C-alpha atoms as a PDB file:
ATOM      1  CA  UNK A   1      69.614  88.188 111.016  1.00  0.00           C
ATOM      2  CA  UNK A   2      69.916  88.378 107.232  1.00  0.00           C
ATOM      3  CA  UNK A   3      69.344  92.131 107.336  1.00  0.00           C
ATOM      4  CA  UNK A   4      72.195  92.492 109.834  1.00  0.00           C
ATOM      5  CA  UNK A   5      74.392  90.366 107.561  1.00  0.00           C
ATOM      6  CA  UNK A   6      73.417  92.569 104.613  1.00  0.00           C
ATOM      7  CA  UNK A   7      74.443  95.697 106.524  1.00  0.00           C
ATOM      8  CA  UNK A   8      77.805  94.122 107.367  1.00  0.00           C
ATOM      9  CA  UNK A   9      78.379  93.094 103.754  1.00  0.00           C
ATOM     10  CA  UNK A  10      77.352  96.569 102.588  1.00  0.00           C
ATOM     11  CA  UNK A  11      79.945  98.076 104.915  1.00  0.00           C
ATOM     12  CA  UNK A  12      82.566  95.672 103.563  1.00  0.00           C
ATOM     13  CA  UNK A  13      81.659  96.501  99.960  1.00  0.00           C
ATOM     14  CA  UNK A  14      81.820 100.238 100.603  1.00  0.00           C
ATOM     15  CA  UNK A  15      85.110 100.035 102.486  1.00  0.00           C
ATOM     16  CA  UNK A  16      86.915  97.835  99.964  1.00  0.00           C
ATOM     17  CA  UNK A  17      85.572  98.673  96.483  1.00  0.00           C
ATOM     18  CA  UNK A  18      87.906 101.600  95.809  1.00  0.00           C
ATOM     19  CA  UNK A  19      90.900 100.482  97.800  1.00  0.00           C
ATOM     20  CA  UNK A  20      93.123  98.175  95.694  1.00  0.00           C
ATOM     21  CA  UNK A  21      92.318  95.148  97.865  1.00  0.00           C
ATOM     22  CA  UNK A  22      89.339  93.562  96.008  1.00  0.00           C
ATOM     23  CA  UNK A  23      85.834  94.069  97.336  1.00  0.00           C
ATOM     24  CA  UNK A  24      84.592  90.838  95.731  1.00  0.00           C
ATOM     25  CA  UNK A  25      87.286  88.884  97.576  1.00  0.00           C
ATOM     26  CA  UNK A  26      86.300  90.471 100.874  1.00  0.00           C
ATOM     27  CA  UNK A  27      82.607  89.752 100.364  1.00  0.00           C
ATOM     28  CA  UNK A  28      83.498  86.157  99.511  1.00  0.00           C
ATOM     29  CA  UNK A  29      85.691  85.769 102.611  1.00  0.00           C
ATOM     30  CA  UNK A  30      83.479  87.644 105.094  1.00  0.00           C
ATOM     31  CA  UNK A  31      80.463  85.630 103.958  1.00  0.00           C
ATOM     32  CA  UNK A  32      82.131  82.501 105.331  1.00  0.00           C
ATOM     33  CA  UNK A  33      82.259  83.996 108.834  1.00  0.00           C
ATOM     34  CA  UNK A  34      78.699  85.276 109.068  1.00  0.00           C
ATOM     35  CA  UNK A  35      76.071  83.125 110.818  1.00  0.00           C
ATOM     36  CA  UNK A  36      74.883  81.762 107.477  1.00  0.00           C
ATOM     37  CA  UNK A  37      78.460  80.791 106.542  1.00  0.00           C
ATOM     38  CA  UNK A  38      77.940  80.960 102.802  1.00  0.00           C
ATOM     39  CA  UNK A  39      79.138  82.713  99.656  1.00  0.00           C
ATOM     40  CA  UNK A  40      76.971  85.840  99.097  1.00  0.00           C
ATOM     41  CA  UNK A  41      77.209  85.048  95.386  1.00  0.00           C
ATOM     42  CA  UNK A  42      78.315  86.795  92.210  1.00  0.00           C
ATOM     43  CA  UNK A  43      74.867  88.355  91.680  1.00  0.00           C
ATOM     44  CA  UNK A  44      74.768  89.895  95.167  1.00  0.00           C
ATOM     45  CA  UNK A  45      78.309  91.215  94.667  1.00  0.00           C
ATOM     46  CA  UNK A  46      77.519  92.773  91.284  1.00  0.00           C
ATOM     47  CA  UNK A  47      74.313  94.414  92.482  1.00  0.00           C
ATOM     48  CA  UNK A  48      75.816  95.919  95.649  1.00  0.00           C
ATOM     49  CA  UNK A  49      78.546  97.408  93.461  1.00  0.00           C
ATOM     50  CA  UNK A  50      75.827  99.597  91.953  1.00  0.00           C
ATOM     51  CA  UNK A  51      75.855 101.423  95.287  1.00  0.00           C
ATOM     52  CA  UNK A  52      79.581 102.079  95.305  1.00  0.00           C
ATOM     53  CA  UNK A  53      79.544 103.053  91.627  1.00  0.00           C
ATOM     54  CA  UNK A  54      76.757 105.522  92.354  1.00  0.00           C
ATOM     55  CA  UNK A  55      79.221 107.054  94.825  1.00  0.00           C
ATOM     56  CA  UNK A  56      81.706 107.430  91.945  1.00  0.00           C
ATOM     57  CA  UNK A  57      79.081 109.261  89.909  1.00  0.00           C
ATOM     58  CA  UNK A  58      78.401 111.652  92.796  1.00  0.00           C
ATOM     59  CA  UNK A  59      82.088 112.260  93.521  1.00  0.00           C
ATOM     60  CA  UNK A  60      83.086 112.809  89.878  1.00  0.00           C
ATOM     61  CA  UNK A  61      79.775 114.338  88.801  1.00  0.00           C
ATOM     62  CA  UNK A  62      81.244 117.457  87.181  1.00  0.00           C
ATOM     63  CA  UNK A  63      83.846 115.450  85.276  1.00  0.00           C
ATOM     64  CA  UNK A  64      81.248 112.937  84.090  1.00  0.00           C
ATOM     65  CA  UNK A  65      78.779 115.578  82.906  1.00  0.00           C
ATOM     66  CA  UNK A  66      81.534 117.456  81.089  1.00  0.00           C
ATOM     67  CA  UNK A  67      82.898 114.313  79.409  1.00  0.00           C
ATOM     68  CA  UNK A  68      79.469 113.077  78.290  1.00  0.00           C
ATOM     69  CA  UNK A  69      78.428 116.526  77.065  1.00  0.00           C
ATOM     70  CA  UNK A  70      81.558 117.146  75.024  1.00  0.00           C
ATOM     71  CA  UNK A  71      81.566 113.586  73.677  1.00  0.00           C
ATOM     72  CA  UNK A  72      78.044 113.995  72.297  1.00  0.00           C
ATOM     73  CA  UNK A  73      78.852 117.434  70.904  1.00  0.00           C
ATOM     74  CA  UNK A  74      81.937 116.050  69.175  1.00  0.00           C
ATOM     75  CA  UNK A  75      79.707 113.661  67.215  1.00  0.00           C
ATOM     76  CA  UNK A  76      78.044 116.613  65.500  1.00  0.00           C
ATOM     77  CA  UNK A  77      81.266 118.594  65.105  1.00  0.00           C
ATOM     78  CA  UNK A  78      80.297 121.217  67.683  1.00  0.00           C
ATOM     79  CA  UNK A  79      83.398 120.194  69.636  1.00  0.00           C
ATOM     80  CA  UNK A  80      86.681 119.083  67.998  1.00  0.00           C
ATOM     81  CA  UNK A  81      87.054 115.329  67.935  1.00  0.00           C
ATOM     82  CA  UNK A  82      90.489 115.700  69.491  1.00  0.00           C
ATOM     83  CA  UNK A  83      89.026 117.573  72.447  1.00  0.00           C
ATOM     84  CA  UNK A  84      90.454 115.953  75.646  1.00  0.00           C
ATOM     85  CA  UNK A  85      87.033 115.344  77.192  1.00  0.00           C
ATOM     86  CA  UNK A  86      85.568 113.975  73.953  1.00  0.00           C
ATOM     87  CA  UNK A  87      88.560 111.652  73.635  1.00  0.00           C
ATOM     88  CA  UNK A  88      88.131 110.568  77.259  1.00  0.00           C
ATOM     89  CA  UNK A  89      84.601 109.484  76.406  1.00  0.00           C
ATOM     90  CA  UNK A  90      85.940 107.318  73.591  1.00  0.00           C
ATOM     91  CA  UNK A  91      88.738 105.944  75.777  1.00  0.00           C
ATOM     92  CA  UNK A  92      86.201 104.854  78.405  1.00  0.00           C
ATOM     93  CA  UNK A  93      84.062 103.164  75.740  1.00  0.00           C
ATOM     94  CA  UNK A  94      87.044 101.351  74.193  1.00  0.00           C
ATOM     95  CA  UNK A  95      88.428 100.436  77.627  1.00  0.00           C
ATOM     96  CA  UNK A  96      85.081  98.891  78.591  1.00  0.00           C
ATOM     97  CA  UNK A  97      85.017  96.438  75.674  1.00  0.00           C
ATOM     98  CA  UNK A  98      87.368  93.782  77.190  1.00  0.00           C
ATOM     99  CA  UNK A  99      85.374  93.306  80.396  1.00  0.00           C
ATOM    100  CA  UNK A 100      82.086  93.084  78.474  1.00  0.00           C
ATOM    101  CA  UNK A 101      83.437  90.462  76.058  1.00  0.00           C
ATOM    102  CA  UNK A 102      85.195  88.404  78.722  1.00  0.00           C
ATOM    103  CA  UNK A 103      82.313  88.801  81.176  1.00  0.00           C
ATOM    104  CA  UNK A 104      79.909  87.254  78.686  1.00  0.00           C
ATOM    105  CA  UNK A 105      82.370  84.566  77.596  1.00  0.00           C
ATOM    106  CA  UNK A 106      83.201  83.437  81.141  1.00  0.00           C
ATOM    107  CA  UNK A 107      79.878  84.074  82.863  1.00  0.00           C
ATOM    108  CA  UNK A 108      79.532  80.522  84.161  1.00  0.00           C
ATOM    109  CA  UNK A 109      83.076  80.465  85.562  1.00  0.00           C
ATOM    110  CA  UNK A 110      82.574  83.876  87.193  1.00  0.00           C
ATOM    111  CA  UNK A 111      79.621  82.527  89.155  1.00  0.00           C
ATOM    112  CA  UNK A 112      81.276  79.209  90.075  1.00  0.00           C
ATOM    113  CA  UNK A 113      84.946  78.317  89.505  1.00  0.00           C
ATOM    114  CA  UNK A 114      86.373  81.806  89.971  1.00  0.00           C
ATOM    115  CA  UNK A 115      84.817  82.015  93.445  1.00  0.00           C
ATOM    116  CA  UNK A 116      87.006  79.277  94.913  1.00  0.00           C
ATOM    117  CA  UNK A 117      88.721  80.664  98.006  1.00  0.00           C
ATOM    118  CA  UNK A 118      92.003  79.039  96.917  1.00  0.00           C
ATOM    119  CA  UNK A 119      91.901  81.111  93.737  1.00  0.00           C
ATOM    120  CA  UNK A 120      90.797  84.230  95.632  1.00  0.00           C
ATOM    121  CA  UNK A 121      93.712  83.922  98.078  1.00  0.00           C
ATOM    122  CA  UNK A 122      96.191  83.351  95.256  1.00  0.00           C
ATOM    123  CA  UNK A 123      94.979  86.421  93.352  1.00  0.00           C
ATOM    124  CA  UNK A 124      95.189  88.565  96.492  1.00  0.00           C
ATOM    125  CA  UNK A 125      98.857  87.667  96.883  1.00  0.00           C
ATOM    126  CA  UNK A 126      99.933  87.689  93.229  1.00  0.00           C
ATOM    127  CA  UNK A 127      98.272  90.950  92.291  1.00  0.00           C
ATOM    128  CA  UNK A 128      99.283  92.510  95.595  1.00  0.00           C
ATOM    129  CA  UNK A 129     102.916  91.858  94.721  1.00  0.00           C
ATOM    130  CA  UNK A 130     102.364  93.156  91.168  1.00  0.00           C
ATOM    131  CA  UNK A 131     100.837  96.355  92.548  1.00  0.00           C
ATOM    132  CA  UNK A 132     103.843  96.857  94.798  1.00  0.00           C
ATOM    133  CA  UNK A 133     106.309  96.292  91.951  1.00  0.00           C
ATOM    134  CA  UNK A 134     104.379  98.607  89.617  1.00  0.00           C
ATOM    135  CA  UNK A 135     104.146 101.327  92.236  1.00  0.00           C
ATOM    136  CA  UNK A 136     107.902 101.219  92.842  1.00  0.00           C
ATOM    137  CA  UNK A 137     108.990 100.969  89.208  1.00  0.00           C
ATOM    138  CA  UNK A 138     106.357 103.266  87.703  1.00  0.00           C
ATOM    139  CA  UNK A 139     107.870 106.411  86.164  1.00  0.00           C
ATOM    140  CA  UNK A 140     105.100 108.632  87.566  1.00  0.00           C
ATOM    141  CA  UNK A 141     105.422 111.097  84.687  1.00  0.00           C
ATOM    142  CA  UNK A 142     102.211 110.586  82.722  1.00  0.00           C
ATOM    143  CA  UNK A 143      98.806 112.112  83.380  1.00  0.00           C
ATOM    144  CA  UNK A 144      95.467 111.492  81.689  1.00  0.00           C
ATOM    145  CA  UNK A 145      96.530 113.919  78.961  1.00  0.00           C
ATOM    146  CA  UNK A 146      98.949 111.175  77.857  1.00  0.00           C
ATOM    147  CA  UNK A 147      96.206 108.570  77.474  1.00  0.00           C
ATOM    148  CA  UNK A 148      96.105 106.904  74.033  1.00  0.00           C
ATOM    149  CA  UNK A 149      93.966 104.253  72.333  1.00  0.00           C
ATOM    150  CA  UNK A 150      96.523 101.573  73.083  1.00  0.00           C
ATOM    151  CA  UNK A 151      96.866 102.537  76.733  1.00  0.00           C
ATOM    152  CA  UNK A 152      93.079 102.692  77.108  1.00  0.00           C
ATOM    153  CA  UNK A 153      92.865  99.098  75.885  1.00  0.00           C
ATOM    154  CA  UNK A 154      95.603  98.003  78.302  1.00  0.00           C
ATOM    155  CA  UNK A 155      93.659  99.641  81.133  1.00  0.00           C
ATOM    156  CA  UNK A 156      90.547  97.814  79.922  1.00  0.00           C
ATOM    157  CA  UNK A 157      92.276  94.426  79.836  1.00  0.00           C
ATOM    158  CA  UNK A 158      93.545  95.016  83.371  1.00  0.00           C
ATOM    159  CA  UNK A 159      90.032  95.893  84.539  1.00  0.00           C
ATOM    160  CA  UNK A 160      88.717  92.681  82.977  1.00  0.00           C
ATOM    161  CA  UNK A 161      91.002  90.639  85.230  1.00  0.00           C
ATOM    162  CA  UNK A 162      88.840  91.804  88.141  1.00  0.00           C
ATOM    163  CA  UNK A 163      86.220  89.309  86.977  1.00  0.00           C
ATOM    164  CA  UNK A 164      88.261  86.993  89.207  1.00  0.00           C
ATOM    165  CA  UNK A 165      87.670  87.882  92.894  1.00  0.00           C
ATOM    166  CA  UNK A 166      90.946  88.816  94.525  1.00  0.00           C
ATOM    167  CA  UNK A 167      92.378  90.786  91.610  1.00  0.00           C
ATOM    168  CA  UNK A 168      90.572  94.072  92.429  1.00  0.00           C
ATOM    169  CA  UNK A 169      89.067  96.300  89.750  1.00  0.00           C
ATOM    170  CA  UNK A 170      90.830  99.413  91.006  1.00  0.00           C
ATOM    171  CA  UNK A 171      93.975  97.464  91.894  1.00  0.00           C
ATOM    172  CA  UNK A 172      94.261  95.879  88.448  1.00  0.00           C
ATOM    173  CA  UNK A 173      93.743  99.107  86.522  1.00  0.00           C
ATOM    174  CA  UNK A 174      95.973 101.133  88.843  1.00  0.00           C
ATOM    175  CA  UNK A 175      98.704  98.500  88.508  1.00  0.00           C
ATOM    176  CA  UNK A 176      98.491  98.722  84.722  1.00  0.00           C
ATOM    177  CA  UNK A 177      98.558 102.503  84.923  1.00  0.00           C
ATOM    178  CA  UNK A 178     101.612 102.557  87.143  1.00  0.00           C
ATOM    179  CA  UNK A 179     103.434 100.112  84.843  1.00  0.00           C
ATOM    180  CA  UNK A 180     102.660 102.456  81.928  1.00  0.00           C
ATOM    181  CA  UNK A 181     104.122 105.397  83.838  1.00  0.00           C
ATOM    182  CA  UNK A 182     100.967 107.193  85.011  1.00  0.00           C
ATOM    183  CA  UNK A 183     101.081 108.986  88.350  1.00  0.00           C
ATOM    184  CA  UNK A 184      98.916 107.591  91.156  1.00  0.00           C
ATOM    185  CA  UNK A 185      96.055 110.151  91.057  1.00  0.00           C
ATOM    186  CA  UNK A 186      95.723 109.864  87.263  1.00  0.00           C
ATOM    187  CA  UNK A 187      95.725 106.053  87.323  1.00  0.00           C
ATOM    188  CA  UNK A 188      93.126 106.011  90.104  1.00  0.00           C
ATOM    189  CA  UNK A 189      90.895 108.645  88.493  1.00  0.00           C
ATOM    190  CA  UNK A 190      90.783 106.790  85.172  1.00  0.00           C
ATOM    191  CA  UNK A 191      90.233 103.482  86.980  1.00  0.00           C
ATOM    192  CA  UNK A 192      87.147 104.899  88.701  1.00  0.00           C
ATOM    193  CA  UNK A 193      85.736 106.488  85.516  1.00  0.00           C
ATOM    194  CA  UNK A 194      86.414 103.349  83.470  1.00  0.00           C
ATOM    195  CA  UNK A 195      84.520 101.203  85.968  1.00  0.00           C
ATOM    196  CA  UNK A 196      81.239 103.112  85.598  1.00  0.00           C
ATOM    197  CA  UNK A 197      79.855 101.413  82.434  1.00  0.00           C
ATOM    198  CA  UNK A 198      81.071  97.945  83.468  1.00  0.00           C
ATOM    199  CA  UNK A 199      79.758  98.038  87.026  1.00  0.00           C
ATOM    200  CA  UNK A 200      76.367  99.526  86.200  1.00  0.00           C
ATOM    201  CA  UNK A 201      75.989  97.170  83.241  1.00  0.00           C
ATOM    202  CA  UNK A 202      76.867  94.098  85.287  1.00  0.00           C
ATOM    203  CA  UNK A 203      74.834  95.155  88.308  1.00  0.00           C
ATOM    204  CA  UNK A 204      71.614  95.913  86.440  1.00  0.00           C
ATOM    205  CA  UNK A 205      72.034  92.800  84.297  1.00  0.00           C
ATOM    206  CA  UNK A 206      72.207  90.649  87.423  1.00  0.00           C
ATOM    207  CA  UNK A 207      69.280  92.521  88.956  1.00  0.00           C
ATOM    208  CA  UNK A 208      67.092  91.843  85.916  1.00  0.00           C
ATOM    209  CA  UNK A 209      68.335  88.270  85.564  1.00  0.00           C
ATOM    210  CA  UNK A 210      67.798  87.229  89.175  1.00  0.00           C
ATOM    211  CA  UNK A 211      64.962  89.578  90.183  1.00  0.00           C
ATOM    212  CA  UNK A 212      64.242  89.106  93.878  1.00  0.00           C
ATOM    213  CA  UNK A 213      66.559  86.116  94.270  1.00  0.00           C
ATOM    214  CA  UNK A 214      70.199  87.128  94.730  1.00  0.00           C
ATOM    215  CA  UNK A 215      71.388  83.725  95.891  1.00  0.00           C
ATOM    216  CA  UNK A 216      72.021  83.866  99.615  1.00  0.00           C
ATOM    217  CA  UNK A 217      70.005  87.091 100.040  1.00  0.00           C
ATOM    218  CA  UNK A 218      66.682  88.432  98.867  1.00  0.00           C
ATOM    219  CA  UNK A 219      65.991  91.717  97.127  1.00  0.00           C
ATOM    220  CA  UNK A 220      65.378  93.572 100.430  1.00  0.00           C
ATOM    221  CA  UNK A 221      68.704  92.521 101.954  1.00  0.00           C
ATOM    222  CA  UNK A 222      70.560  93.203  98.706  1.00  0.00           C
ATOM    223  CA  UNK A 223      68.976  96.658  98.487  1.00  0.00           C
ATOM    224  CA  UNK A 224      69.979  97.492 102.065  1.00  0.00           C
ATOM    225  CA  UNK A 225      73.555  96.379 101.399  1.00  0.00           C
ATOM    226  CA  UNK A 226      73.643  98.507  98.233  1.00  0.00           C
ATOM    227  CA  UNK A 227      72.510 101.656 100.061  1.00  0.00           C
ATOM    228  CA  UNK A 228      75.033 101.106 102.859  1.00  0.00           C
ATOM    229  CA  UNK A 229      77.784 100.531 100.275  1.00  0.00           C
ATOM    230  CA  UNK A 230      76.924 103.854  98.611  1.00  0.00           C
ATOM    231  CA  UNK A 231      77.309 105.905 101.789  1.00  0.00           C
ATOM    232  CA  UNK A 232      80.510 104.244 102.932  1.00  0.00           C
ATOM    233  CA  UNK A 233      81.982 104.190  99.414  1.00  0.00           C
ATOM    234  CA  UNK A 234      81.544 107.943  98.997  1.00  0.00           C
ATOM    235  CA  UNK A 235      83.672 108.584 102.083  1.00  0.00           C
ATOM    236  CA  UNK A 236      86.312 106.056 100.979  1.00  0.00           C
ATOM    237  CA  UNK A 237      86.764 107.681  97.547  1.00  0.00           C
ATOM    238  CA  UNK A 238      87.451 111.042  99.172  1.00  0.00           C
ATOM    239  CA  UNK A 239      89.948 109.425 101.538  1.00  0.00           C
ATOM    240  CA  UNK A 240      91.775 107.483  98.818  1.00  0.00           C
ATOM    241  CA  UNK A 241      92.171 110.429  96.432  1.00  0.00           C
ATOM    242  CA  UNK A 242      93.731 112.467  99.233  1.00  0.00           C
ATOM    243  CA  UNK A 243      95.890 109.563 100.399  1.00  0.00           C
ATOM    244  CA  UNK A 244      97.472 108.612  97.077  1.00  0.00           C
ATOM    245  CA  UNK A 245      98.428 112.201  96.265  1.00  0.00           C
ATOM    246  CA  UNK A 246     101.198 111.903  98.865  1.00  0.00           C
ATOM    247  CA  UNK A 247     101.612 108.237  99.811  1.00  0.00           C
ATOM    248  CA  UNK A 248     102.354 104.890  98.154  1.00  0.00           C
ATOM    249  CA  UNK A 249     100.250 101.742  97.877  1.00  0.00           C
ATOM    250  CA  UNK A 250     102.633  99.747 100.098  1.00  0.00           C
ATOM    251  CA  UNK A 251     100.199  99.360 103.048  1.00  0.00           C
ATOM    252  CA  UNK A 252      97.608  97.845 100.691  1.00  0.00           C
ATOM    253  CA  UNK A 253     100.230  95.516  99.200  1.00  0.00           C
ATOM    254  CA  UNK A 254     101.203  94.217 102.644  1.00  0.00           C
ATOM    255  CA  UNK A 255      97.560  93.826 103.645  1.00  0.00           C
ATOM    256  CA  UNK A 256      96.718  91.859 100.490  1.00  0.00           C
ATOM    257  CA  UNK A 257      99.593  89.422 100.961  1.00  0.00           C
ATOM    258  CA  UNK A 258      98.836  88.876 104.654  1.00  0.00           C
ATOM    259  CA  UNK A 259      95.128  88.341 103.952  1.00  0.00           C
ATOM    260  CA  UNK A 260      95.886  85.909 101.141  1.00  0.00           C
ATOM    261  CA  UNK A 261      98.250  83.905 103.336  1.00  0.00           C
ATOM    262  CA  UNK A 262      95.713  83.905 106.195  1.00  0.00           C
ATOM    263  CA  UNK A 263      92.968  82.566 103.924  1.00  0.00           C
ATOM    264  CA  UNK A 264      95.284  79.817 102.663  1.00  0.00           C
ATOM    265  CA  UNK A 265      96.064  78.784 106.235  1.00  0.00           C
ATOM    266  CA  UNK A 266      92.346  78.694 107.094  1.00  0.00           C
ATOM    267  CA  UNK A 267      91.691  76.564 104.025  1.00  0.00           C
ATOM    268  CA  UNK A 268      94.586  74.203 104.713  1.00  0.00           C
ATOM    269  CA  UNK A 269      93.463  73.662 108.315  1.00  0.00           C
ATOM    270  CA  UNK A 270      89.818  73.119 107.335  1.00  0.00           C
ATOM    271  CA  UNK A 271      88.473  76.165 109.178  1.00  0.00           C
ATOM    272  CA  UNK A 272      86.782  77.315 105.962  1.00  0.00           C
ATOM    273  CA  UNK A 273      85.918  75.479 102.773  1.00  0.00           C
ATOM    274  CA  UNK A 274      87.027  76.555  99.297  1.00  0.00           C
ATOM    275  CA  UNK A 275      83.466  76.412  97.980  1.00  0.00           C
END
C-alpha cells in the first residue's frame, strides 16, 4: 500500500513542481487523503524534488553545460567576465544565497509550523492573487539579457518564500519576474535554472540527514516517488514552456484560489486536520 501511495505522490510531485501551484502544498494536501492520512513530511518532499530537478537538468542540459563551462573559463580570463553565460552563472549563485540562509535559519519551522494546512491554504490564495496581478501588470519587455545583480537577488528572495508550502518555487520567482517586467518565458526559464542548486542541495541534505527514514515513508518508497516525479516532471516542463509562450497564468491563479478555499472549508468542517 505504501508503494502505491508513493507512486501517487510521485505523480503529484511531477505534475505540480513546475506549474505555479506549489508541489509541496499538493503533497501536503494529498497525503491527508491517502489511506495513511498523514503528512508525507518535509524530508520526503525535498528528496522527491531531486527527481523533478533532474528533469530540469535534462531539459536544459545544453544551457546548463554552456553556462557552467563559460563561468569556469571566465575565472581564468579565457572568457570575458561580462560574457552573458558567465554572468548567468554568477546570477544563479547570488540568487541561491537567500534560500540557503533562510533554509538553515528556519529549518525547524519548515519541518513543523510551516506545514500547517491553514498556512498552506492561505499561501495558495495570497500568492495566487499576487501571480495574477503580476501577470496582468508586468511590462513583458525584459528578457534574461536584462538580468542584473539586484534583480537576481530579488528573484532569489522570491524563491526563498517557497520554503513555506503553498507559495510555489516557480510561482514565487515567476511572480517576482513579472513584477520586474520580464516576459513569461524568461521568468520561467530563470526560475527553473535558479532552482537547481537549492533543490539538489536541500534534497541531498535531507537524504543524508534522514538516511532510510523519510518520515511517513521509507527509502524504497521515497526512491520510487522520486523516479516517478522525474518522468512526469520532464513532460510537464515541455508543456509549460510551450503554454506560457502564448497564454497567461490565469488558469493557475483561479485553480490556486479555489484549492485554497476548498482546503479552508475542509479544515473548518473538521474533514481534515491542520497538523
